[in-house]
Amino acid sequence: MTTAPPTGPAAPPRTRPALFLPSPTSVPRPEAPPLPPVRRTPLVVSGLLAVALTAYVWATHGARPGVLLLLGLGLGAALFHSRFGFTSAWRQLIAVGNGSGLRAHALLLGTTATLFALVIGSGTGLFGSQPAPSAGSIGAGLVAGSLLFAVGMQLGGACASGTLFAVGSGQSSILLTLGGFIAGATLAAWQFDLWKDLPAWEPVVLSDHIGWFGSWAVTIAALLLVVAVTRRVQARRNPPPLGAVPSARTAAVRALRGSWPPAVGALALALLGAGVLVVSGGAWGVTSAFSLWGSELVGALGGHPENWTWWRKPGNAEMLAGPVLADKTSLTDIGIMIGAAVAAALGGTWTLHRGIPWRTAVAAVLGGVLMGIGARLAGGCNIGAYLAGVASGSLSGWIWGAVALAGTWIGLRLRPLFGLGNPKPGDGVC
């Protein structure tokens, strides 16, 4: 008779590093509701608009603007499917300590920083473009602008990119935010002489001092620190989970109609944003188009925005003189709205909201105005200043993000004045 050889103690199961384990929440995240049926009429209208506008831009202005519009369509679809939020992520962190949204930001920022380092470091560009980092000056305008922008986000209900994809998906109240956003950005451009001489220092770009690899390494290390801190905050505060959005069981249907995990959305946005850099030579932005659209309206009503100091700056004069559908930022902005409309119609969630409370409407317009002014003062928004700045290794991007957290705290205290709620620790979801 044989006996089994003696065995030692069982090896402990392999575990993933704590950094990548799910963060705790007070209750499990609720099940995703089933997908509603496709909204056929909005799908047909938005789909035909996407095809017709792309064909027109390509035929009239060439391949480069046509590709930028296509990238905008992709950005809109990715923003909608992943519900990728900046406003909600900061609100959830400050209000109840749920840092999952900010960790999704870290993935987006880190992936974009990696792609930017490869593209800019190698000088890779299409259509004769020369890719360059996005860096803002550091001074009073950056601080005041990012603070105003963050307060406006919480009142208006969306950031710059969020405003566009929410408008595309039919959210009527955010249309008021967009109107205020355009008005504020135009007002700041008109009154450029009042704030153009605010004290500021030259931009600080890490690659100028430690090269692109060093810049990338420092950025990734800082983002890992952000992830670790948000996990620790979440473990201490044990917040409610994020609300569930409609999704589908199979991967194919989910890709076209359902919700995407935030990580998938972050990766898609990083790739598409890098595409904008390769095609145009500049980082993805949003708010310069709002100043352009508002100024074009002023001109159509008999005004003379071409005489404003803002539009006499190098580069800006050419933007105002040229066609809107040849402007890089206008193309991606328009593409985001149409792309989100197509995605929302496919997902069955496209709808026009009616009966907006008057206090909500006031908050939407006021928030939009504050964001428009803030974006001009700070040299950009959550995309052009924060995302592009951090990914470019610019100190201005980090300052923008830090001040935006402080502005979020202020905005949360103002929201109840307009009948807007904030997440609470005892909520079922936040």
Foldseek 3Di string as FASTA:
>chain_A
DDDDDDDDDDDDDDDDPPLPDDFFAPDDADDADAFDAFQPPLQVVLVVVLVVLLVVLCVPPHDLLSVLLVLLLLLLLLCQQAVLADLVQLQCCVFQLQNPSVLLVLLLLLLLLVLLLVCQVVQFAPPPAGADFFWDWDFDLQLLLLLLLLLLCLLQVGFQLRLLLCVLLAEALSVLLLVLQLVLLQVCQQVVVVQVPGDTGDWDFVCVPVNSVVLSVVLNVVSSVVSVVSSVSCNVRNFAAAHHHHADDDPVLRSQAHHDHSNVSSNSNSVSQSVLCRSHSYGAAARVLSNLVSVVVCVVVPHDSCPGPSCVPPPNVVCNPDDLSNDSNSSSSVSSSSSSSNRSSNSVNRDHDDDDDPLSSVSSSSSSSSNSNSQVSSVGICGSQQSSCSSRRIPSNVSSVVSSSVSNVVSQVCNVVSVHHGGHRPDNHD
